[in-house]
Amino acid sequence: MAAPDPTGTPSRSGSTPRTRRPATPPQTGRLVALEIPHDTAFAPGSGIRLDSGFATGDDVGTFYDAMLAKVIAWAPTREQAARALARTLETARIHGLTTNRDQLVAALRHPQFLAGEVTTSFFDDHPEVNVPGPRDDLLPFAGAVALAEHRRTNAKVQARIPAGFRNVVAQPQSTRFSVAGEEVDVRWYGGRAGYTPAETDPDRPVAVVAASPTEVVLDVAGVTRRYRTQVVDDAVLVDGPGGGATLRVVPRFVDPASQVAEGSLLAPMPGSVVAVHAAVGDEVEEGRPILVMEAMKMQHTITAPYGGTVTELSAAAGQQVEAGTVLAVVEPRADTGDTEGDNA
């Protein structure tokens, strides 16, 4: 199991790395939580072993392999071993970095994988297993409830007032999270009667049985679900029976200092610039390589998002950059139309 989605092209020692643009770039940072249930050996009835080079609190850098752990399962049959391994990964607590855990769980449960019909094109042939993020649609709601409880219990004044209380309820509360690269708007009601989701399916009613900053218990159509939660800075870590997710709180008001110019090409990860293929004033077409970065033994090409003119180029070969650094700016031509999505 790796910190990045392993879609880049690794380099062999002493060779020049080949270039392939990853669907999800490798990620560095701190492992806020890494807890994978296992035995110290292949004990009867379990059959799960963990080989890990990282632990909770460790930093994943750019200079070594980003593989976090190797989880090994044993069982009398391939199907039993695959299902045990999928369940182990699904119930693991992994937070702070984007990993390929959800992709692995989906692959382990795919009928073709269970039948042993696997080739090197498995992920290309079955894009449904590549959908990022957990499959549990109630994780964001559980995270919103935990965050509301955390803010209530840590309030400087009026901490006894129920979260979301209003004398006259005009509209539901809204909590926005970023999870797996997508924004999710969780709408809920609070008050003396407790928490309830703003939108519910009549055939699948959801009720909050208990709520605190560290645990949220839901009743989903008569079935109890427990979610372990933790608020860390601007994120809510949520783990439930169907997996976990790191929900990052989207601020209601954007800090002007964090804004970048339209057409800015940002470094997707920390690394070094190994080549620059454009200059200020160049006219470029959509998809033209502007520069190449190297990180985690892979090279990543940053391309023009549309046709236009290179108006800024702050990166130079050999320069070390942090994730989010503005490397260049491409000003779109007047005839390029919609220019949404200004990242490389």
C-alpha atoms as a PDB file:
ATOM      1  CA  MET A   1       0.000   0.000   0.000  1.00  0.00           C
ATOM      2  CA  ALA A   2       1.536   3.263  -1.095  1.00  0.00           C
ATOM      3  CA  ALA A   3       1.176   6.920  -0.249  1.00  0.00           C
ATOM      4  CA  PRO A   4       0.801   7.894  -3.889  1.00  0.00           C
ATOM      5  CA  ASP A   5      -1.513   6.408  -6.439  1.00  0.00           C
ATOM      6  CA  PRO A   6       1.239   4.482  -8.257  1.00  0.00           C
ATOM      7  CA  THR A   7       0.487   5.713 -11.773  1.00  0.00           C
ATOM      8  CA  GLY A   8       3.805   7.403 -12.499  1.00  0.00           C
ATOM      9  CA  THR A   9       6.715   5.563 -14.063  1.00  0.00           C
ATOM     10  CA  PRO A  10       9.395   4.502 -11.549  1.00  0.00           C
ATOM     11  CA  SER A  11      13.046   4.742 -12.461  1.00  0.00           C
ATOM     12  CA  ARG A  12      15.649   2.022 -12.046  1.00  0.00           C
ATOM     13  CA  SER A  13      18.855   2.790 -10.234  1.00  0.00           C
ATOM     14  CA  GLY A  14      21.360   4.353 -12.613  1.00  0.00           C
ATOM     15  CA  SER A  15      18.845   4.901 -15.407  1.00  0.00           C
ATOM     16  CA  THR A  16      17.018   7.959 -16.647  1.00  0.00           C
ATOM     17  CA  PRO A  17      13.414   8.015 -15.395  1.00  0.00           C
ATOM     18  CA  ARG A  18      10.811   7.823 -18.119  1.00  0.00           C
ATOM     19  CA  THR A  19       8.030  10.411 -18.103  1.00  0.00           C
ATOM     20  CA  ARG A  20       4.376   9.620 -17.606  1.00  0.00           C
ATOM     21  CA  ARG A  21       1.829  12.019 -16.238  1.00  0.00           C
ATOM     22  CA  PRO A  22       0.130  10.410 -13.213  1.00  0.00           C
ATOM     23  CA  ALA A  23      -3.630  10.509 -12.712  1.00  0.00           C
ATOM     24  CA  THR A  24      -2.981  11.299  -9.047  1.00  0.00           C
ATOM     25  CA  PRO A  25       0.488  12.617  -8.214  1.00  0.00           C
ATOM     26  CA  PRO A  26       2.491  11.164  -5.327  1.00  0.00           C
ATOM     27  CA  GLN A  27       1.928  12.896  -2.020  1.00  0.00           C
ATOM     28  CA  THR A  28       4.238  13.690   0.835  1.00  0.00           C
ATOM     29  CA  GLY A  29       3.500  14.845   4.353  1.00  0.00           C
ATOM     30  CA  ARG A  30       2.806  13.567   7.833  1.00  0.00           C
ATOM     31  CA  LEU A  31       1.000  10.347   8.621  1.00  0.00           C
ATOM     32  CA  VAL A  32      -1.549  11.507  11.181  1.00  0.00           C
ATOM     33  CA  ALA A  33      -2.723   7.940  11.742  1.00  0.00           C
ATOM     34  CA  LEU A  34      -1.579   4.506  10.539  1.00  0.00           C
ATOM     35  CA  GLU A  35      -3.278   1.623  12.332  1.00  0.00           C
ATOM     36  CA  ILE A  36      -3.679  -1.659  10.445  1.00  0.00           C
ATOM     37  CA  PRO A  37      -5.059  -4.653  12.406  1.00  0.00           C
ATOM     38  CA  HIS A  38      -2.781  -7.681  12.138  1.00  0.00           C
ATOM     39  CA  ASP A  39      -1.085 -10.567  13.933  1.00  0.00           C
ATOM     40  CA  THR A  40       2.649 -10.857  14.507  1.00  0.00           C
ATOM     41  CA  ALA A  41       2.563 -14.066  12.446  1.00  0.00           C
ATOM     42  CA  PHE A  42       0.108 -16.052  10.373  1.00  0.00           C
ATOM     43  CA  ALA A  43      -1.919 -17.164  13.378  1.00  0.00           C
ATOM     44  CA  PRO A  44      -4.816 -19.613  12.794  1.00  0.00           C
ATOM     45  CA  GLY A  45      -8.087 -17.813  12.223  1.00  0.00           C
ATOM     46  CA  SER A  46      -6.453 -14.538  11.234  1.00  0.00           C
ATOM     47  CA  GLY A  47      -3.747 -14.938   8.620  1.00  0.00           C
ATOM     48  CA  ILE A  48      -2.886 -11.229   8.400  1.00  0.00           C
ATOM     49  CA  ARG A  49       0.702 -10.012   8.601  1.00  0.00           C
ATOM     50  CA  LEU A  50       1.981  -6.441   8.392  1.00  0.00           C
ATOM     51  CA  ASP A  51       5.366  -5.298   7.120  1.00  0.00           C
ATOM     52  CA  SER A  52       5.610  -1.535   7.543  1.00  0.00           C
ATOM     53  CA  GLY A  53       8.345   1.048   7.304  1.00  0.00           C
ATOM     54  CA  PHE A  54       6.190   3.872   8.674  1.00  0.00           C
ATOM     55  CA  ALA A  55       4.203   4.549  11.836  1.00  0.00           C
ATOM     56  CA  THR A  56       1.746   7.159  13.099  1.00  0.00           C
ATOM     57  CA  GLY A  57       3.422  10.559  13.216  1.00  0.00           C
ATOM     58  CA  ASP A  58       6.104   9.778  10.615  1.00  0.00           C
ATOM     59  CA  ASP A  59       6.816  12.083   7.683  1.00  0.00           C
ATOM     60  CA  VAL A  60       6.754  10.695   4.153  1.00  0.00           C
ATOM     61  CA  GLY A  61       9.409  12.536   2.156  1.00  0.00           C
ATOM     62  CA  THR A  62      10.478  12.735  -1.458  1.00  0.00           C
ATOM     63  CA  PHE A  63      13.809  10.905  -1.224  1.00  0.00           C
ATOM     64  CA  TYR A  64      12.631   7.338  -0.580  1.00  0.00           C
ATOM     65  CA  ASP A  65      10.010   4.894  -1.801  1.00  0.00           C
ATOM     66  CA  ALA A  66       6.582   6.058  -0.694  1.00  0.00           C
ATOM     67  CA  MET A  67       5.238   2.583   0.082  1.00  0.00           C
ATOM     68  CA  LEU A  68       3.728   2.789   3.562  1.00  0.00           C
ATOM     69  CA  ALA A  69       3.179  -0.894   4.278  1.00  0.00           C
ATOM     70  CA  LYS A  70       2.828  -4.390   2.875  1.00  0.00           C
ATOM     71  CA  VAL A  71      -0.224  -6.241   4.166  1.00  0.00           C
ATOM     72  CA  ILE A  72      -0.195 -10.000   3.562  1.00  0.00           C
ATOM     73  CA  ALA A  73      -3.143 -12.377   3.937  1.00  0.00           C
ATOM     74  CA  TRP A  74      -3.227 -16.185   4.132  1.00  0.00           C
ATOM     75  CA  ALA A  75      -6.290 -18.431   3.874  1.00  0.00           C
ATOM     76  CA  PRO A  76      -7.158 -21.885   2.489  1.00  0.00           C
ATOM     77  CA  THR A  77      -8.440 -20.363  -0.781  1.00  0.00           C
ATOM     78  CA  ARG A  78      -7.639 -17.328  -2.908  1.00  0.00           C
ATOM     79  CA  GLU A  79     -11.149 -15.909  -2.432  1.00  0.00           C
ATOM     80  CA  GLN A  80     -10.990 -16.186   1.362  1.00  0.00           C
ATOM     81  CA  ALA A  81      -7.556 -14.556   1.480  1.00  0.00           C
ATOM     82  CA  ALA A  82      -8.667 -11.721  -0.809  1.00  0.00           C
ATOM     83  CA  ARG A  83     -11.786 -11.034   1.242  1.00  0.00           C
ATOM     84  CA  ALA A  84      -9.807 -11.067   4.516  1.00  0.00           C
ATOM     85  CA  LEU A  85      -7.243  -8.688   3.059  1.00  0.00           C
ATOM     86  CA  ALA A  86      -9.961  -6.350   1.731  1.00  0.00           C
ATOM     87  CA  ARG A  87     -11.648  -6.240   5.127  1.00  0.00           C
ATOM     88  CA  THR A  88      -8.345  -5.553   6.899  1.00  0.00           C
ATOM     89  CA  LEU A  89      -7.533  -2.639   4.599  1.00  0.00           C
ATOM     90  CA  GLU A  90     -11.090  -1.324   4.816  1.00  0.00           C
ATOM     91  CA  THR A  91     -11.026  -1.180   8.624  1.00  0.00           C
ATOM     92  CA  ALA A  92      -7.509   0.279   8.862  1.00  0.00           C
ATOM     93  CA  ARG A  93      -7.053   3.861  10.084  1.00  0.00           C
ATOM     94  CA  ILE A  94      -4.928   5.729   7.543  1.00  0.00           C
ATOM     95  CA  HIS A  95      -5.007   9.524   7.605  1.00  0.00           C
ATOM     96  CA  GLY A  96      -2.920  12.500   6.595  1.00  0.00           C
ATOM     97  CA  LEU A  97      -2.010  11.330   3.090  1.00  0.00           C
ATOM     98  CA  THR A  98      -3.899  10.201   0.029  1.00  0.00           C
ATOM     99  CA  THR A  99      -3.238   6.483  -0.517  1.00  0.00           C
ATOM    100  CA  ASN A 100      -4.421   3.771  -2.892  1.00  0.00           C
ATOM    101  CA  ARG A 101      -6.239   1.901  -0.085  1.00  0.00           C
ATOM    102  CA  ASP A 102      -9.744   2.325  -1.551  1.00  0.00           C
ATOM    103  CA  GLN A 103      -8.523   1.248  -4.987  1.00  0.00           C
ATOM    104  CA  LEU A 104      -6.993  -1.900  -3.513  1.00  0.00           C
ATOM    105  CA  VAL A 105     -10.157  -2.781  -1.578  1.00  0.00           C
ATOM    106  CA  ALA A 106     -12.285  -2.409  -4.714  1.00  0.00           C
ATOM    107  CA  ALA A 107      -9.851  -4.514  -6.742  1.00  0.00           C
ATOM    108  CA  LEU A 108      -9.713  -7.279  -4.115  1.00  0.00           C
ATOM    109  CA  ARG A 109     -13.513  -7.588  -4.238  1.00  0.00           C
ATOM    110  CA  HIS A 110     -13.832  -7.502  -8.013  1.00  0.00           C
ATOM    111  CA  PRO A 111     -15.190 -10.787  -9.457  1.00  0.00           C
ATOM    112  CA  GLN A 112     -12.460 -10.978 -12.091  1.00  0.00           C
ATOM    113  CA  PHE A 113      -9.729 -10.545  -9.480  1.00  0.00           C
ATOM    114  CA  LEU A 114     -11.312 -13.174  -7.231  1.00  0.00           C
ATOM    115  CA  ALA A 115     -11.387 -15.560 -10.189  1.00  0.00           C
ATOM    116  CA  GLY A 116      -7.672 -15.011 -10.772  1.00  0.00           C
ATOM    117  CA  GLU A 117      -8.288 -13.392 -14.168  1.00  0.00           C
ATOM    118  CA  VAL A 118      -5.808 -10.549 -13.705  1.00  0.00           C
ATOM    119  CA  THR A 119      -3.513  -8.942 -16.257  1.00  0.00           C
ATOM    120  CA  THR A 120      -1.310  -5.839 -16.306  1.00  0.00           C
ATOM    121  CA  SER A 121      -4.226  -3.932 -17.862  1.00  0.00           C
ATOM    122  CA  PHE A 122      -6.615  -4.767 -15.004  1.00  0.00           C
ATOM    123  CA  PHE A 123      -7.007  -1.149 -13.811  1.00  0.00           C
ATOM    124  CA  ASP A 124      -7.402   0.152 -17.361  1.00  0.00           C
ATOM    125  CA  ASP A 125     -10.033  -2.483 -18.147  1.00  0.00           C
ATOM    126  CA  HIS A 126     -11.976  -1.870 -14.918  1.00  0.00           C
ATOM    127  CA  PRO A 127     -12.116   1.891 -14.266  1.00  0.00           C
ATOM    128  CA  GLU A 128     -14.832   1.349 -11.651  1.00  0.00           C
ATOM    129  CA  VAL A 129     -12.199   0.259  -9.135  1.00  0.00           C
ATOM    130  CA  ASN A 130     -10.288   3.521  -9.603  1.00  0.00           C
ATOM    131  CA  VAL A 131     -12.998   5.774  -8.148  1.00  0.00           C
ATOM    132  CA  PRO A 132     -11.281   7.656  -5.289  1.00  0.00           C
ATOM    133  CA  GLY A 133     -12.726   7.991  -1.828  1.00  0.00           C
ATOM    134  CA  PRO A 134     -14.664   5.675   0.492  1.00  0.00           C
ATOM    135  CA  ARG A 135     -17.875   3.939  -0.551  1.00  0.00           C
ATOM    136  CA  ASP A 136     -19.710   4.881   2.683  1.00  0.00           C
ATOM    137  CA  ASP A 137     -21.902   7.893   1.835  1.00  0.00           C
ATOM    138  CA  LEU A 138     -22.560   8.672   5.529  1.00  0.00           C
ATOM    139  CA  LEU A 139     -18.908   9.407   6.393  1.00  0.00           C
ATOM    140  CA  PRO A 140     -19.263  13.159   5.608  1.00  0.00           C
ATOM    141  CA  PHE A 141     -22.398  13.442   7.760  1.00  0.00           C
ATOM    142  CA  ALA A 142     -20.694  11.679  10.666  1.00  0.00           C
ATOM    143  CA  GLY A 143     -17.727  14.037  10.215  1.00  0.00           C
ATOM    144  CA  ALA A 144     -19.989  17.106  10.243  1.00  0.00           C
ATOM    145  CA  VAL A 145     -21.636  15.956  13.482  1.00  0.00           C
ATOM    146  CA  ALA A 146     -18.249  15.289  15.132  1.00  0.00           C
ATOM    147  CA  LEU A 147     -16.958  18.698  14.025  1.00  0.00           C
ATOM    148  CA  ALA A 148     -20.062  20.442  15.412  1.00  0.00           C
ATOM    149  CA  GLU A 149     -19.596  18.633  18.750  1.00  0.00           C
ATOM    150  CA  HIS A 150     -15.906  19.541  18.802  1.00  0.00           C
ATOM    151  CA  ARG A 151     -16.682  23.218  18.251  1.00  0.00           C
ATOM    152  CA  ARG A 152     -19.455  23.173  20.833  1.00  0.00           C
ATOM    153  CA  THR A 153     -17.366  21.561  23.568  1.00  0.00           C
ATOM    154  CA  ASN A 154     -14.458  23.930  22.884  1.00  0.00           C
ATOM    155  CA  ALA A 155     -16.570  27.093  22.657  1.00  0.00           C
ATOM    156  CA  LYS A 156     -15.406  29.952  24.889  1.00  0.00           C
ATOM    157  CA  VAL A 157     -18.958  31.104  25.552  1.00  0.00           C
ATOM    158  CA  GLN A 158     -22.385  29.427  25.558  1.00  0.00           C
ATOM    159  CA  ALA A 159     -20.908  25.939  25.361  1.00  0.00           C
ATOM    160  CA  ARG A 160     -24.133  24.482  26.785  1.00  0.00           C
ATOM    161  CA  ILE A 161     -26.197  25.622  23.818  1.00  0.00           C
ATOM    162  CA  PRO A 162     -26.808  22.702  21.425  1.00  0.00           C
ATOM    163  CA  ALA A 163     -24.942  22.949  18.154  1.00  0.00           C
ATOM    164  CA  GLY A 164     -27.045  24.366  15.357  1.00  0.00           C
ATOM    165  CA  PHE A 165     -29.716  25.728  17.699  1.00  0.00           C
ATOM    166  CA  ARG A 166     -31.994  28.427  16.222  1.00  0.00           C
ATOM    167  CA  ASN A 167     -35.128  30.038  17.649  1.00  0.00           C
ATOM    168  CA  VAL A 168     -36.622  30.056  14.174  1.00  0.00           C
ATOM    169  CA  VAL A 169     -35.226  27.486  11.761  1.00  0.00           C
ATOM    170  CA  ALA A 170     -35.009  29.020   8.296  1.00  0.00           C
ATOM    171  CA  GLN A 171     -32.587  26.660   6.619  1.00  0.00           C
ATOM    172  CA  PRO A 172     -30.248  23.787   7.517  1.00  0.00           C
ATOM    173  CA  GLN A 173     -26.655  24.197   8.641  1.00  0.00           C
ATOM    174  CA  SER A 174     -23.996  23.624   5.993  1.00  0.00           C
ATOM    175  CA  THR A 175     -20.557  22.061   6.465  1.00  0.00           C
ATOM    176  CA  ARG A 176     -18.295  21.820   3.421  1.00  0.00           C
ATOM    177  CA  PHE A 177     -15.538  19.224   3.213  1.00  0.00           C
ATOM    178  CA  SER A 178     -12.917  18.368   0.629  1.00  0.00           C
ATOM    179  CA  VAL A 179     -12.478  14.600   0.314  1.00  0.00           C
ATOM    180  CA  ALA A 180     -10.573  12.710  -2.389  1.00  0.00           C
ATOM    181  CA  GLY A 181     -10.287  15.898  -4.439  1.00  0.00           C
ATOM    182  CA  GLU A 182     -14.028  16.611  -4.423  1.00  0.00           C
ATOM    183  CA  GLU A 183     -16.037  19.074  -2.348  1.00  0.00           C
ATOM    184  CA  VAL A 184     -18.991  17.733  -0.383  1.00  0.00           C
ATOM    185  CA  ASP A 185     -21.688  19.955   1.123  1.00  0.00           C
ATOM    186  CA  VAL A 186     -23.220  18.332   4.218  1.00  0.00           C
ATOM    187  CA  ARG A 187     -26.544  19.889   5.205  1.00  0.00           C
ATOM    188  CA  TRP A 188     -27.906  19.121   8.664  1.00  0.00           C
ATOM    189  CA  TYR A 189     -30.165  20.345  11.455  1.00  0.00           C
ATOM    190  CA  GLY A 190     -29.221  20.671  15.117  1.00  0.00           C
ATOM    191  CA  GLY A 191     -30.791  21.870  18.334  1.00  0.00           C
ATOM    192  CA  ARG A 192     -32.313  20.392  21.466  1.00  0.00           C
ATOM    193  CA  ALA A 193     -33.624  17.357  19.563  1.00  0.00           C
ATOM    194  CA  GLY A 194     -30.105  16.466  18.394  1.00  0.00           C
ATOM    195  CA  TYR A 195     -28.720  16.112  14.887  1.00  0.00           C
ATOM    196  CA  THR A 196     -30.595  15.074  11.768  1.00  0.00           C
ATOM    197  CA  PRO A 197     -29.550  15.135   8.094  1.00  0.00           C
ATOM    198  CA  ALA A 198     -31.369  17.688   5.966  1.00  0.00           C
ATOM    199  CA  GLU A 199     -32.061  15.177   3.185  1.00  0.00           C
ATOM    200  CA  THR A 200     -32.990  11.582   3.937  1.00  0.00           C
ATOM    201  CA  ASP A 201     -34.309   8.628   1.972  1.00  0.00           C
ATOM    202  CA  PRO A 202     -37.689   7.495   3.393  1.00  0.00           C
ATOM    203  CA  ASP A 203     -36.651   3.897   2.749  1.00  0.00           C
ATOM    204  CA  ARG A 204     -33.337   4.424   4.556  1.00  0.00           C
ATOM    205  CA  PRO A 205     -33.924   6.717   7.546  1.00  0.00           C
ATOM    206  CA  VAL A 206     -30.856   7.968   9.430  1.00  0.00           C
ATOM    207  CA  ALA A 207     -30.936   8.927  13.111  1.00  0.00           C
ATOM    208  CA  VAL A 208     -28.082  10.067  15.374  1.00  0.00           C
ATOM    209  CA  VAL A 209     -28.031   7.812  18.438  1.00  0.00           C
ATOM    210  CA  ALA A 210     -24.991   9.391  20.133  1.00  0.00           C
ATOM    211  CA  ALA A 211     -22.527  12.122  19.244  1.00  0.00           C
ATOM    212  CA  SER A 212     -19.228  13.383  20.608  1.00  0.00           C
ATOM    213  CA  PRO A 213     -15.980  14.728  19.110  1.00  0.00           C
ATOM    214  CA  THR A 214     -14.522  11.199  19.178  1.00  0.00           C
ATOM    215  CA  GLU A 215     -17.482   8.980  18.215  1.00  0.00           C
ATOM    216  CA  VAL A 216     -20.712   9.263  16.260  1.00  0.00           C
ATOM    217  CA  VAL A 217     -23.276   6.460  16.401  1.00  0.00           C
ATOM    218  CA  LEU A 218     -25.945   6.311  13.701  1.00  0.00           C
ATOM    219  CA  ASP A 219     -29.055   4.198  13.279  1.00  0.00           C
ATOM    220  CA  VAL A 220     -29.428   3.497   9.560  1.00  0.00           C
ATOM    221  CA  ALA A 221     -32.732   1.795   8.802  1.00  0.00           C
ATOM    222  CA  GLY A 222     -32.489  -0.131  12.073  1.00  0.00           C
ATOM    223  CA  VAL A 223     -28.796  -1.004  11.735  1.00  0.00           C
ATOM    224  CA  THR A 224     -26.287   0.586  14.135  1.00  0.00           C
ATOM    225  CA  ARG A 225     -23.140   2.112  12.643  1.00  0.00           C
ATOM    226  CA  ARG A 226     -20.296   3.400  14.798  1.00  0.00           C
ATOM    227  CA  TYR A 227     -17.851   5.982  13.480  1.00  0.00           C
ATOM    228  CA  ARG A 228     -14.581   6.757  15.207  1.00  0.00           C
ATOM    229  CA  THR A 229     -13.796  10.455  14.746  1.00  0.00           C
ATOM    230  CA  GLN A 230     -10.970  12.863  15.520  1.00  0.00           C
ATOM    231  CA  VAL A 231     -10.630  16.571  14.761  1.00  0.00           C
ATOM    232  CA  VAL A 232      -7.059  17.553  13.867  1.00  0.00           C
ATOM    233  CA  ASP A 233      -6.491  21.179  12.878  1.00  0.00           C
ATOM    234  CA  ASP A 234      -8.632  21.786   9.766  1.00  0.00           C
ATOM    235  CA  ALA A 235      -9.514  18.136   9.179  1.00  0.00           C
ATOM    236  CA  VAL A 236     -11.875  15.519  10.588  1.00  0.00           C
ATOM    237  CA  LEU A 237     -10.635  11.930  10.585  1.00  0.00           C
ATOM    238  CA  VAL A 238     -13.550   9.516  10.245  1.00  0.00           C
ATOM    239  CA  ASP A 239     -13.432   5.699  10.313  1.00  0.00           C
ATOM    240  CA  GLY A 240     -16.540   3.570   9.996  1.00  0.00           C
ATOM    241  CA  PRO A 241     -17.573   0.015   9.202  1.00  0.00           C
ATOM    242  CA  GLY A 242     -17.117   0.661   5.478  1.00  0.00           C
ATOM    243  CA  GLY A 243     -13.766   2.435   5.517  1.00  0.00           C
ATOM    244  CA  GLY A 244     -12.393   5.806   6.458  1.00  0.00           C
ATOM    245  CA  ALA A 245     -11.622   9.242   5.067  1.00  0.00           C
ATOM    246  CA  THR A 246      -9.827  12.457   5.922  1.00  0.00           C
ATOM    247  CA  LEU A 247     -12.360  15.267   5.551  1.00  0.00           C
ATOM    248  CA  ARG A 248     -10.706  18.656   5.163  1.00  0.00           C
ATOM    249  CA  VAL A 249     -12.850  21.622   6.159  1.00  0.00           C
ATOM    250  CA  VAL A 250     -13.408  24.084   3.321  1.00  0.00           C
ATOM    251  CA  PRO A 251     -13.315  27.611   4.791  1.00  0.00           C
ATOM    252  CA  ARG A 252     -16.426  29.696   4.293  1.00  0.00           C
ATOM    253  CA  PHE A 253     -14.367  32.704   3.206  1.00  0.00           C
ATOM    254  CA  VAL A 254     -11.303  32.340   0.980  1.00  0.00           C
ATOM    255  CA  ASP A 255      -8.051  33.933   2.144  1.00  0.00           C
ATOM    256  CA  PRO A 256      -7.051  36.432  -0.596  1.00  0.00           C
ATOM    257  CA  ALA A 257      -3.391  35.581   0.049  1.00  0.00           C
ATOM    258  CA  SER A 258      -4.023  32.011  -1.113  1.00  0.00           C
ATOM    259  CA  GLN A 259      -5.356  33.045  -4.515  1.00  0.00           C
ATOM    260  CA  VAL A 260      -3.215  32.616  -7.629  1.00  0.00           C
ATOM    261  CA  ALA A 261      -3.523  34.118 -11.078  1.00  0.00           C
ATOM    262  CA  GLU A 262      -5.628  32.417 -13.736  1.00  0.00           C
ATOM    263  CA  GLY A 263      -3.506  30.033 -15.762  1.00  0.00           C
ATOM    264  CA  SER A 264      -1.053  29.348 -12.940  1.00  0.00           C
ATOM    265  CA  LEU A 265       0.717  26.002 -13.166  1.00  0.00           C
ATOM    266  CA  LEU A 266       1.315  24.693  -9.651  1.00  0.00           C
ATOM    267  CA  ALA A 267       3.792  22.114  -8.406  1.00  0.00           C
ATOM    268  CA  PRO A 268       1.669  19.021  -7.645  1.00  0.00           C
ATOM    269  CA  MET A 269       4.157  17.799  -5.004  1.00  0.00           C
ATOM    270  CA  PRO A 270       7.513  18.704  -3.451  1.00  0.00           C
ATOM    271  CA  GLY A 271      10.378  17.916  -5.773  1.00  0.00           C
ATOM    272  CA  SER A 272      13.000  19.327  -8.106  1.00  0.00           C
ATOM    273  CA  VAL A 273      12.678  20.908 -11.533  1.00  0.00           C
ATOM    274  CA  VAL A 274      14.802  18.884 -13.970  1.00  0.00           C
ATOM    275  CA  ALA A 275      13.950  20.591 -17.268  1.00  0.00           C
ATOM    276  CA  VAL A 276      12.266  23.737 -18.585  1.00  0.00           C
ATOM    277  CA  HIS A 277      10.832  23.603 -22.120  1.00  0.00           C
ATOM    278  CA  ALA A 278       9.424  27.118 -22.506  1.00  0.00           C
ATOM    279  CA  ALA A 279      10.339  30.754 -21.984  1.00  0.00           C
ATOM    280  CA  VAL A 280       8.444  33.919 -21.123  1.00  0.00           C
ATOM    281  CA  GLY A 281       6.697  35.179 -24.236  1.00  0.00           C
ATOM    282  CA  ASP A 282       6.374  31.788 -25.915  1.00  0.00           C
ATOM    283  CA  GLU A 283       3.114  30.963 -27.673  1.00  0.00           C
ATOM    284  CA  VAL A 284       2.085  27.452 -26.604  1.00  0.00           C
ATOM    285  CA  GLU A 285      -0.655  25.045 -27.563  1.00  0.00           C
ATOM    286  CA  GLU A 286      -2.788  23.002 -25.184  1.00  0.00           C
ATOM    287  CA  GLY A 287      -0.823  20.041 -23.833  1.00  0.00           C
ATOM    288  CA  ARG A 288       2.626  21.402 -24.682  1.00  0.00           C
ATOM    289  CA  PRO A 289       5.203  20.477 -22.014  1.00  0.00           C
ATOM    290  CA  ILE A 290       6.272  23.547 -20.032  1.00  0.00           C
ATOM    291  CA  LEU A 291       8.599  21.882 -17.540  1.00  0.00           C
ATOM    292  CA  VAL A 292       9.424  18.539 -15.932  1.00  0.00           C
ATOM    293  CA  MET A 293       9.616  17.785 -12.212  1.00  0.00           C
ATOM    294  CA  GLU A 294      11.157  14.792 -10.476  1.00  0.00           C
ATOM    295  CA  ALA A 295       9.942  13.425  -7.138  1.00  0.00           C
ATOM    296  CA  MET A 296       9.832   9.980  -5.539  1.00  0.00           C
ATOM    297  CA  LYS A 297      11.911   8.457  -8.361  1.00  0.00           C
ATOM    298  CA  MET A 298       9.368   9.543 -10.985  1.00  0.00           C
ATOM    299  CA  GLN A 299       9.233  12.354 -13.499  1.00  0.00           C
ATOM    300  CA  HIS A 300       6.090  14.422 -13.997  1.00  0.00           C
ATOM    301  CA  THR A 301       5.510  16.679 -16.966  1.00  0.00           C
ATOM    302  CA  ILE A 302       3.664  19.966 -16.358  1.00  0.00           C
ATOM    303  CA  THR A 303       1.795  20.952 -19.530  1.00  0.00           C
ATOM    304  CA  ALA A 304      -0.126  23.969 -20.772  1.00  0.00           C
ATOM    305  CA  PRO A 305      -3.821  23.647 -19.811  1.00  0.00           C
ATOM    306  CA  TYR A 306      -4.847  25.481 -22.998  1.00  0.00           C
ATOM    307  CA  GLY A 307      -3.380  27.492 -25.839  1.00  0.00           C
ATOM    308  CA  GLY A 308      -1.936  30.839 -24.849  1.00  0.00           C
ATOM    309  CA  THR A 309       1.149  32.822 -23.923  1.00  0.00           C
ATOM    310  CA  VAL A 310       3.660  32.087 -21.173  1.00  0.00           C
ATOM    311  CA  THR A 311       3.631  35.322 -19.164  1.00  0.00           C
ATOM    312  CA  GLU A 312       5.569  34.145 -16.100  1.00  0.00           C
ATOM    313  CA  LEU A 313       8.167  31.427 -15.558  1.00  0.00           C
ATOM    314  CA  SER A 314       9.622  31.393 -12.073  1.00  0.00           C
ATOM    315  CA  ALA A 315      11.041  27.842 -12.129  1.00  0.00           C
ATOM    316  CA  ALA A 316      14.565  26.938 -13.223  1.00  0.00           C
ATOM    317  CA  ALA A 317      16.292  23.595 -13.773  1.00  0.00           C
ATOM    318  CA  GLY A 318      17.730  22.248 -10.527  1.00  0.00           C
ATOM    319  CA  GLN A 319      15.372  24.269  -8.329  1.00  0.00           C
ATOM    320  CA  GLN A 320      13.721  22.579  -5.340  1.00  0.00           C
ATOM    321  CA  VAL A 321      10.041  23.526  -4.971  1.00  0.00           C
ATOM    322  CA  GLU A 322       7.283  22.812  -2.475  1.00  0.00           C
ATOM    323  CA  ALA A 323       3.811  21.544  -3.345  1.00  0.00           C
ATOM    324  CA  GLY A 324       1.584  24.379  -4.529  1.00  0.00           C
ATOM    325  CA  THR A 325       4.449  26.589  -5.744  1.00  0.00           C
ATOM    326  CA  VAL A 326       3.542  28.633  -8.838  1.00  0.00           C
ATOM    327  CA  LEU A 327       5.942  27.400 -11.526  1.00  0.00           C
ATOM    328  CA  ALA A 328       4.600  29.300 -14.533  1.00  0.00           C
ATOM    329  CA  VAL A 329       1.591  31.234 -15.763  1.00  0.00           C
ATOM    330  CA  VAL A 330      -0.050  30.693 -19.146  1.00  0.00           C
ATOM    331  CA  GLU A 331      -2.402  33.469 -20.225  1.00  0.00           C
ATOM    332  CA  PRO A 332      -5.151  31.982 -22.412  1.00  0.00           C
ATOM    333  CA  ARG A 333      -5.902  33.230 -25.887  1.00  0.00           C
ATOM    334  CA  ALA A 334      -9.150  35.064 -26.374  1.00  0.00           C
ATOM    335  CA  ASP A 335     -10.506  32.181 -28.489  1.00  0.00           C
ATOM    336  CA  THR A 336      -9.786  29.343 -26.017  1.00  0.00           C
ATOM    337  CA  GLY A 337     -13.222  29.617 -24.432  1.00  0.00           C
ATOM    338  CA  ASP A 338     -13.779  28.138 -20.963  1.00  0.00           C
ATOM    339  CA  THR A 339     -10.565  27.989 -18.921  1.00  0.00           C
ATOM    340  CA  GLU A 340     -11.797  26.281 -15.785  1.00  0.00           C
ATOM    341  CA  GLY A 341      -9.197  24.151 -14.036  1.00  0.00           C
ATOM    342  CA  ASP A 342      -5.974  26.105 -14.186  1.00  0.00           C
ATOM    343  CA  ASN A 343      -3.739  23.473 -12.631  1.00  0.00           C
ATOM    344  CA  ALA A 344      -1.429  21.273 -14.631  1.00  0.00           C
END
